[in-house]
């Protein structure tokens, strides 16, 4: 975070807002490249079923009712990132807060983990998270 604190992603899937005229699959590729860098090569295996609709309070604007249409996409990172060890990437964007239009840089720190590690629940959690979150999933 900008104040130096670290937030671990855990089983939370990658997700991104779909831009007007953009397909969920294109948004998934863009999401992966924003996180892992423009060199990341992504293979889209397709959408997972029909979109899910949720109506709830806006996360960004508390008190405002919102309608979310969630698409789940199977995606795999097939190259363009280091294959071993820890690495970091930078994500550039615009700050839409108090300093509207300012360029921001988010630094992401990554470490590869083995899917087979743990107590056997990781794979099931990843599967559920990918379906529920509507985000892209990389390996």
N, C-alpha and C. Protein backbone atom coordinates (compact mmCIF):
# COMPACT_ATOMS: atom_id res chain seq x y z
N UNK A 1 0.85 -1.17 0.00
CA UNK A 1 0.00 0.00 0.00
C UNK A 1 0.90 1.25 0.00
N UNK A 2 0.31 2.40 -0.24
CA UNK A 2 1.11 3.62 -0.33
C UNK A 2 1.77 3.98 0.99
N UNK A 3 1.22 3.49 2.12
CA UNK A 3 1.82 3.80 3.41
C UNK A 3 2.85 2.75 3.84
N UNK A 4 3.14 1.78 2.95
CA UNK A 4 4.15 0.78 3.25
C UNK A 4 3.61 -0.51 3.82
N UNK A 5 2.33 -0.56 4.16
CA UNK A 5 1.78 -1.81 4.68
C UNK A 5 1.60 -2.81 3.54
N UNK A 6 1.59 -4.08 3.89
CA UNK A 6 1.48 -5.14 2.90
C UNK A 6 0.12 -5.80 3.05
N UNK A 7 -0.56 -6.02 1.91
CA UNK A 7 -1.83 -6.74 1.90
C UNK A 7 -1.63 -7.98 1.04
N UNK A 8 -1.82 -9.13 1.64
CA UNK A 8 -1.66 -10.38 0.91
C UNK A 8 -2.96 -10.72 0.19
N UNK A 9 -2.84 -11.19 -1.05
CA UNK A 9 -4.01 -11.52 -1.85
C UNK A 9 -4.68 -12.79 -1.31
N UNK A 10 -3.91 -13.79 -0.93
CA UNK A 10 -4.50 -15.04 -0.46
C UNK A 10 -5.31 -15.71 -1.56
N UNK A 11 -6.45 -16.26 -1.21
CA UNK A 11 -7.29 -16.98 -2.17
C UNK A 11 -8.20 -16.04 -2.96
N UNK A 12 -8.13 -14.75 -2.68
CA UNK A 12 -8.98 -13.78 -3.38
C UNK A 12 -8.59 -13.74 -4.85
N UNK A 13 -9.55 -13.94 -5.76
CA UNK A 13 -9.21 -13.96 -7.18
C UNK A 13 -8.96 -12.56 -7.73
N UNK A 14 -8.24 -12.51 -8.81
CA UNK A 14 -8.02 -11.26 -9.53
C UNK A 14 -9.33 -10.85 -10.17
N UNK A 15 -9.65 -9.57 -10.10
CA UNK A 15 -10.87 -9.08 -10.74
C UNK A 15 -10.63 -7.69 -11.30
N UNK A 16 -11.44 -7.30 -12.24
CA UNK A 16 -11.28 -6.02 -12.92
C UNK A 16 -12.62 -5.57 -13.46
N UNK A 17 -12.85 -4.27 -13.49
CA UNK A 17 -14.05 -3.74 -14.11
C UNK A 17 -13.92 -3.87 -15.63
N UNK A 18 -15.01 -4.28 -16.27
CA UNK A 18 -15.04 -4.39 -17.72
C UNK A 18 -15.36 -3.01 -18.28
N UNK A 19 -14.55 -2.54 -19.21
CA UNK A 19 -14.76 -1.23 -19.81
C UNK A 19 -15.86 -1.31 -20.88
N UNK A 20 -16.51 -0.19 -21.19
CA UNK A 20 -17.54 -0.19 -22.24
C UNK A 20 -16.98 -0.75 -23.56
N UNK A 21 -17.71 -1.68 -24.15
CA UNK A 21 -17.30 -2.27 -25.42
C UNK A 21 -16.26 -3.36 -25.30
N UNK A 22 -15.82 -3.68 -24.10
CA UNK A 22 -14.78 -4.68 -23.87
C UNK A 22 -15.42 -5.99 -23.45
N UNK A 23 -14.88 -7.10 -23.92
CA UNK A 23 -15.39 -8.41 -23.51
C UNK A 23 -14.80 -8.79 -22.15
N UNK A 24 -15.48 -9.67 -21.42
CA UNK A 24 -14.92 -10.15 -20.15
C UNK A 24 -13.55 -10.82 -20.34
N UNK A 25 -13.36 -11.50 -21.45
CA UNK A 25 -12.08 -12.15 -21.72
C UNK A 25 -10.97 -11.12 -21.91
N UNK A 26 -11.25 -10.04 -22.64
CA UNK A 26 -10.25 -8.98 -22.82
C UNK A 26 -9.94 -8.29 -21.50
N UNK A 27 -10.96 -8.10 -20.68
CA UNK A 27 -10.75 -7.49 -19.37
C UNK A 27 -9.87 -8.38 -18.50
N UNK A 28 -10.04 -9.70 -18.63
CA UNK A 28 -9.22 -10.64 -17.85
C UNK A 28 -7.75 -10.53 -18.26
N UNK A 29 -7.49 -10.46 -19.55
CA UNK A 29 -6.11 -10.32 -20.04
C UNK A 29 -5.52 -9.00 -19.53
N UNK A 30 -6.30 -7.92 -19.64
CA UNK A 30 -5.83 -6.61 -19.17
C UNK A 30 -5.54 -6.65 -17.66
N UNK A 31 -6.39 -7.31 -16.89
CA UNK A 31 -6.20 -7.41 -15.44
C UNK A 31 -4.89 -8.10 -15.10
N UNK A 32 -4.61 -9.21 -15.79
CA UNK A 32 -3.37 -9.95 -15.53
C UNK A 32 -2.17 -9.09 -15.89
N UNK A 33 -2.22 -8.43 -17.03
CA UNK A 33 -1.08 -7.60 -17.47
C UNK A 33 -0.89 -6.38 -16.57
N UNK A 34 -1.97 -5.82 -16.05
CA UNK A 34 -1.83 -4.70 -15.11
C UNK A 34 -1.10 -5.14 -13.84
N UNK A 35 -1.36 -6.34 -13.39
CA UNK A 35 -0.74 -6.85 -12.17
C UNK A 35 0.67 -7.38 -12.41
N UNK A 36 0.85 -8.19 -13.46
CA UNK A 36 2.11 -8.89 -13.68
C UNK A 36 3.03 -8.23 -14.69
N UNK A 37 2.56 -7.18 -15.34
CA UNK A 37 3.38 -6.49 -16.33
C UNK A 37 2.92 -6.77 -17.75
N UNK A 38 3.23 -5.84 -18.64
CA UNK A 38 2.77 -5.91 -20.03
C UNK A 38 3.34 -7.10 -20.78
N UNK A 39 4.45 -7.66 -20.32
CA UNK A 39 5.07 -8.80 -21.01
C UNK A 39 4.36 -10.12 -20.72
N UNK A 40 3.47 -10.14 -19.73
CA UNK A 40 2.77 -11.38 -19.37
C UNK A 40 1.94 -11.87 -20.56
N UNK A 41 2.11 -13.14 -20.86
CA UNK A 41 1.31 -13.77 -21.92
C UNK A 41 0.22 -14.59 -21.26
N UNK A 42 -1.01 -14.35 -21.69
CA UNK A 42 -2.17 -14.95 -21.04
C UNK A 42 -2.96 -15.76 -22.06
N UNK A 43 -3.33 -16.97 -21.68
CA UNK A 43 -4.22 -17.79 -22.51
C UNK A 43 -5.59 -17.82 -21.84
N UNK A 44 -6.60 -17.46 -22.60
CA UNK A 44 -7.97 -17.48 -22.09
C UNK A 44 -8.60 -18.81 -22.50
N UNK A 45 -9.08 -19.55 -21.51
CA UNK A 45 -9.71 -20.84 -21.78
C UNK A 45 -11.22 -20.70 -21.93
N UNK A 46 -11.73 -19.49 -21.71
CA UNK A 46 -13.16 -19.25 -21.92
C UNK A 46 -13.89 -18.80 -20.68
N UNK A 47 -15.12 -18.38 -20.91
CA UNK A 47 -15.98 -17.94 -19.81
C UNK A 47 -16.54 -19.16 -19.10
N UNK A 48 -16.87 -18.96 -17.82
CA UNK A 48 -17.43 -20.03 -17.01
C UNK A 48 -18.90 -19.78 -16.78
N UNK A 49 -19.74 -20.28 -17.63
CA UNK A 49 -21.19 -20.18 -17.43
C UNK A 49 -21.71 -18.76 -17.62
N UNK A 50 -22.95 -18.60 -17.24
CA UNK A 50 -23.63 -17.31 -17.38
C UNK A 50 -23.15 -16.34 -16.31
N UNK A 51 -23.18 -15.04 -16.59
CA UNK A 51 -22.80 -14.04 -15.58
C UNK A 51 -23.73 -14.12 -14.38
N UNK A 52 -23.19 -13.78 -13.23
CA UNK A 52 -23.97 -13.73 -11.98
C UNK A 52 -24.24 -12.28 -11.67
N UNK A 53 -25.46 -11.96 -11.26
CA UNK A 53 -25.85 -10.59 -10.94
C UNK A 53 -26.01 -10.47 -9.42
N UNK A 54 -25.39 -9.43 -8.86
CA UNK A 54 -25.52 -9.12 -7.43
C UNK A 54 -26.01 -7.69 -7.29
N UNK A 55 -27.00 -7.48 -6.45
CA UNK A 55 -27.45 -6.13 -6.13
C UNK A 55 -27.16 -5.90 -4.66
N UNK A 56 -26.31 -4.91 -4.40
CA UNK A 56 -25.90 -4.59 -3.03
C UNK A 56 -25.38 -3.16 -2.98
N UNK A 57 -25.02 -2.74 -1.80
CA UNK A 57 -24.48 -1.39 -1.64
C UNK A 57 -23.13 -1.29 -2.33
N UNK A 58 -22.87 -0.15 -2.98
CA UNK A 58 -21.61 0.08 -3.67
C UNK A 58 -20.44 0.02 -2.69
N UNK A 59 -19.39 -0.65 -3.11
CA UNK A 59 -18.17 -0.71 -2.30
C UNK A 59 -17.49 0.66 -2.32
N UNK A 60 -17.47 1.29 -3.49
CA UNK A 60 -16.79 2.58 -3.66
C UNK A 60 -17.56 3.75 -3.07
N UNK A 61 -18.88 3.65 -3.12
CA UNK A 61 -19.74 4.75 -2.67
C UNK A 61 -20.77 4.23 -1.68
N UNK A 62 -20.40 4.08 -0.39
CA UNK A 62 -21.32 3.54 0.62
C UNK A 62 -22.65 4.29 0.62
N UNK A 63 -23.73 3.53 0.70
CA UNK A 63 -25.07 4.10 0.71
C UNK A 63 -25.71 4.11 -0.67
N UNK A 64 -24.94 3.96 -1.73
CA UNK A 64 -25.46 3.96 -3.09
C UNK A 64 -25.76 2.53 -3.52
N UNK A 65 -27.01 2.24 -3.89
CA UNK A 65 -27.32 0.89 -4.38
C UNK A 65 -26.56 0.64 -5.69
N UNK A 66 -26.08 -0.57 -5.86
CA UNK A 66 -25.31 -0.91 -7.06
C UNK A 66 -25.72 -2.28 -7.58
N UNK A 67 -25.55 -2.46 -8.87
CA UNK A 67 -25.82 -3.74 -9.52
C UNK A 67 -24.52 -4.20 -10.17
N UNK A 68 -24.04 -5.36 -9.76
CA UNK A 68 -22.80 -5.91 -10.28
C UNK A 68 -23.12 -7.12 -11.15
N UNK A 69 -22.58 -7.16 -12.36
CA UNK A 69 -22.71 -8.31 -13.24
C UNK A 69 -21.32 -8.95 -13.28
N UNK A 70 -21.22 -10.14 -12.69
CA UNK A 70 -19.93 -10.81 -12.51
C UNK A 70 -19.75 -11.91 -13.54
N UNK A 71 -18.65 -11.86 -14.27
CA UNK A 71 -18.29 -12.87 -15.26
C UNK A 71 -17.08 -13.63 -14.72
N UNK A 72 -17.10 -14.93 -14.79
CA UNK A 72 -15.94 -15.75 -14.42
C UNK A 72 -15.25 -16.20 -15.70
N UNK A 73 -13.93 -16.05 -15.72
CA UNK A 73 -13.13 -16.41 -16.90
C UNK A 73 -11.99 -17.30 -16.46
N UNK A 74 -11.79 -18.41 -17.16
CA UNK A 74 -10.63 -19.26 -16.92
C UNK A 74 -9.48 -18.71 -17.74
N UNK A 75 -8.38 -18.41 -17.08
CA UNK A 75 -7.20 -17.86 -17.76
C UNK A 75 -5.96 -18.48 -17.16
N UNK A 76 -4.93 -18.57 -17.98
CA UNK A 76 -3.65 -19.11 -17.52
C UNK A 76 -2.52 -18.21 -18.01
N UNK A 77 -1.61 -17.86 -17.10
CA UNK A 77 -0.41 -17.12 -17.49
C UNK A 77 0.55 -18.14 -18.06
N UNK A 78 0.91 -17.98 -19.34
CA UNK A 78 1.74 -18.97 -20.03
C UNK A 78 3.16 -18.48 -20.28
N UNK A 79 3.49 -17.26 -19.84
CA UNK A 79 4.85 -16.77 -20.02
C UNK A 79 4.92 -15.28 -19.78
N UNK A 80 6.14 -14.78 -19.90
CA UNK A 80 6.36 -13.36 -19.77
C UNK A 80 6.62 -12.88 -18.36
N UNK A 81 6.71 -13.79 -17.40
CA UNK A 81 7.05 -13.45 -16.01
C UNK A 81 8.14 -14.43 -15.55
N UNK A 82 8.94 -14.05 -14.56
CA UNK A 82 9.97 -14.98 -14.07
C UNK A 82 9.35 -16.31 -13.65
N UNK A 83 10.05 -17.40 -13.95
CA UNK A 83 9.52 -18.73 -13.64
C UNK A 83 9.84 -19.20 -12.23
N UNK A 84 10.86 -18.64 -11.61
CA UNK A 84 11.27 -19.09 -10.28
C UNK A 84 11.53 -17.89 -9.39
N UNK A 85 11.35 -18.09 -8.08
CA UNK A 85 11.72 -17.09 -7.10
C UNK A 85 10.74 -15.94 -6.99
N UNK A 86 11.13 -14.98 -6.19
CA UNK A 86 10.31 -13.79 -5.96
C UNK A 86 10.61 -12.74 -7.02
N UNK A 87 9.61 -11.92 -7.35
CA UNK A 87 9.80 -10.83 -8.30
C UNK A 87 8.81 -9.73 -7.98
N UNK A 88 8.99 -8.57 -8.60
CA UNK A 88 8.07 -7.46 -8.36
C UNK A 88 7.69 -6.81 -9.68
N UNK A 89 6.52 -6.19 -9.68
CA UNK A 89 6.03 -5.47 -10.86
C UNK A 89 5.49 -4.13 -10.40
N UNK A 90 5.37 -3.19 -11.35
CA UNK A 90 4.77 -1.89 -11.06
C UNK A 90 3.56 -1.69 -11.94
N UNK A 91 2.48 -1.19 -11.35
CA UNK A 91 1.24 -0.91 -12.07
C UNK A 91 1.01 0.59 -12.05
N UNK A 92 0.97 1.18 -13.23
CA UNK A 92 0.73 2.62 -13.32
C UNK A 92 -0.74 2.86 -13.60
N UNK A 93 -1.26 3.97 -13.08
CA UNK A 93 -2.64 4.32 -13.32
C UNK A 93 -2.90 5.74 -12.91
N UNK A 94 -4.17 6.13 -12.99
CA UNK A 94 -4.56 7.47 -12.57
C UNK A 94 -5.22 7.40 -11.21
N UNK A 95 -4.92 8.37 -10.37
CA UNK A 95 -5.55 8.47 -9.05
C UNK A 95 -6.85 9.25 -9.22
N UNK A 96 -7.95 8.64 -8.82
CA UNK A 96 -9.24 9.30 -8.96
C UNK A 96 -9.73 9.87 -7.63
N UNK A 97 -8.82 10.01 -6.69
CA UNK A 97 -9.18 10.56 -5.38
C UNK A 97 -8.99 12.06 -5.35
N UNK A 98 -8.39 12.58 -4.28
CA UNK A 98 -8.20 14.03 -4.11
C UNK A 98 -7.32 14.64 -5.20
N UNK A 99 -6.35 13.89 -5.68
CA UNK A 99 -5.43 14.42 -6.70
C UNK A 99 -5.83 13.87 -8.06
N UNK A 100 -7.07 14.12 -8.46
CA UNK A 100 -7.60 13.57 -9.72
C UNK A 100 -6.65 13.85 -10.87
N UNK A 101 -6.40 12.80 -11.65
CA UNK A 101 -5.52 12.93 -12.81
C UNK A 101 -4.06 12.67 -12.50
N UNK A 102 -3.69 12.56 -11.22
CA UNK A 102 -2.30 12.29 -10.86
C UNK A 102 -1.96 10.85 -11.25
N UNK A 103 -0.74 10.63 -11.67
CA UNK A 103 -0.29 9.29 -12.02
C UNK A 103 0.17 8.59 -10.74
N UNK A 104 -0.31 7.38 -10.54
CA UNK A 104 0.09 6.61 -9.36
C UNK A 104 0.84 5.37 -9.81
N UNK A 105 1.67 4.85 -8.95
CA UNK A 105 2.39 3.61 -9.22
C UNK A 105 2.18 2.69 -8.04
N UNK A 106 1.70 1.49 -8.33
CA UNK A 106 1.55 0.48 -7.30
C UNK A 106 2.62 -0.58 -7.54
N UNK A 107 3.35 -0.91 -6.51
CA UNK A 107 4.37 -1.95 -6.62
C UNK A 107 3.79 -3.23 -6.05
N UNK A 108 3.86 -4.30 -6.84
CA UNK A 108 3.37 -5.60 -6.43
C UNK A 108 4.55 -6.53 -6.22
N UNK A 109 4.54 -7.28 -5.13
CA UNK A 109 5.60 -8.23 -4.82
C UNK A 109 5.00 -9.62 -4.96
N UNK A 110 5.68 -10.49 -5.69
CA UNK A 110 5.17 -11.81 -6.02
C UNK A 110 6.14 -12.88 -5.58
N UNK A 111 5.59 -14.04 -5.29
CA UNK A 111 6.40 -15.21 -4.99
C UNK A 111 5.62 -16.43 -5.46
N UNK A 112 6.27 -17.29 -6.23
CA UNK A 112 5.61 -18.48 -6.71
C UNK A 112 5.42 -19.46 -5.57
N UNK A 113 4.26 -20.08 -5.49
CA UNK A 113 3.99 -21.12 -4.51
C UNK A 113 3.49 -22.34 -5.24
N UNK A 114 3.75 -23.50 -4.67
CA UNK A 114 3.36 -24.77 -5.27
C UNK A 114 1.89 -25.04 -4.95
N UNK A 115 1.09 -25.32 -5.96
CA UNK A 115 -0.33 -25.64 -5.75
C UNK A 115 -0.52 -26.86 -4.86
N UNK A 116 0.48 -27.74 -4.81
CA UNK A 116 0.36 -28.97 -4.03
C UNK A 116 0.69 -28.78 -2.56
N UNK A 117 1.19 -27.59 -2.17
CA UNK A 117 1.53 -27.35 -0.78
C UNK A 117 0.27 -27.16 0.05
N UNK A 118 0.37 -27.43 1.34
CA UNK A 118 -0.76 -27.17 2.24
C UNK A 118 -1.48 -28.44 2.60
N UNK A 119 -2.73 -28.27 3.05
CA UNK A 119 -3.49 -29.38 3.60
C UNK A 119 -4.50 -29.96 2.61
N UNK A 120 -4.37 -29.65 1.34
CA UNK A 120 -5.29 -30.18 0.34
C UNK A 120 -6.51 -29.31 0.11
N UNK A 121 -6.71 -28.28 0.90
CA UNK A 121 -7.87 -27.41 0.75
C UNK A 121 -7.61 -26.28 -0.23
N UNK A 122 -6.34 -25.98 -0.54
CA UNK A 122 -5.99 -24.83 -1.40
C UNK A 122 -6.66 -24.92 -2.76
N UNK A 123 -6.59 -26.11 -3.39
CA UNK A 123 -7.14 -26.24 -4.74
C UNK A 123 -8.64 -25.98 -4.74
N UNK A 124 -9.35 -26.53 -3.75
CA UNK A 124 -10.79 -26.31 -3.67
C UNK A 124 -11.10 -24.84 -3.42
N UNK A 125 -10.36 -24.18 -2.55
CA UNK A 125 -10.58 -22.76 -2.28
C UNK A 125 -10.35 -21.94 -3.53
N UNK A 126 -9.29 -22.28 -4.31
CA UNK A 126 -9.00 -21.54 -5.53
C UNK A 126 -10.14 -21.69 -6.53
N UNK A 127 -10.67 -22.91 -6.67
CA UNK A 127 -11.77 -23.16 -7.59
C UNK A 127 -13.00 -22.35 -7.19
N UNK A 128 -13.37 -22.39 -5.92
CA UNK A 128 -14.52 -21.65 -5.44
C UNK A 128 -14.31 -20.15 -5.62
N UNK A 129 -13.12 -19.66 -5.30
CA UNK A 129 -12.84 -18.24 -5.41
C UNK A 129 -12.95 -17.78 -6.87
N UNK A 130 -12.47 -18.59 -7.80
CA UNK A 130 -12.52 -18.20 -9.21
C UNK A 130 -13.96 -18.11 -9.69
N UNK A 131 -14.81 -19.02 -9.25
CA UNK A 131 -16.21 -18.99 -9.66
C UNK A 131 -16.94 -17.85 -8.99
N UNK A 132 -16.72 -17.67 -7.69
CA UNK A 132 -17.45 -16.65 -6.95
C UNK A 132 -17.01 -15.24 -7.28
N UNK A 133 -15.73 -15.06 -7.52
CA UNK A 133 -15.22 -13.70 -7.70
C UNK A 133 -15.31 -13.16 -9.11
N UNK A 134 -15.47 -14.01 -10.07
CA UNK A 134 -15.56 -13.54 -11.43
C UNK A 134 -14.26 -12.96 -11.97
N UNK A 135 -13.14 -13.32 -11.37
CA UNK A 135 -11.87 -12.76 -11.82
C UNK A 135 -11.07 -13.74 -12.64
N UNK A 136 -9.95 -13.28 -13.13
CA UNK A 136 -9.05 -14.14 -13.88
C UNK A 136 -8.23 -14.94 -12.89
N UNK A 137 -7.83 -16.12 -13.29
CA UNK A 137 -7.03 -16.95 -12.42
C UNK A 137 -5.77 -17.35 -13.16
N UNK A 138 -4.62 -17.07 -12.59
CA UNK A 138 -3.37 -17.43 -13.22
C UNK A 138 -2.68 -18.54 -12.47
N UNK A 139 -1.78 -19.24 -13.16
CA UNK A 139 -1.00 -20.30 -12.53
C UNK A 139 0.46 -19.95 -12.60
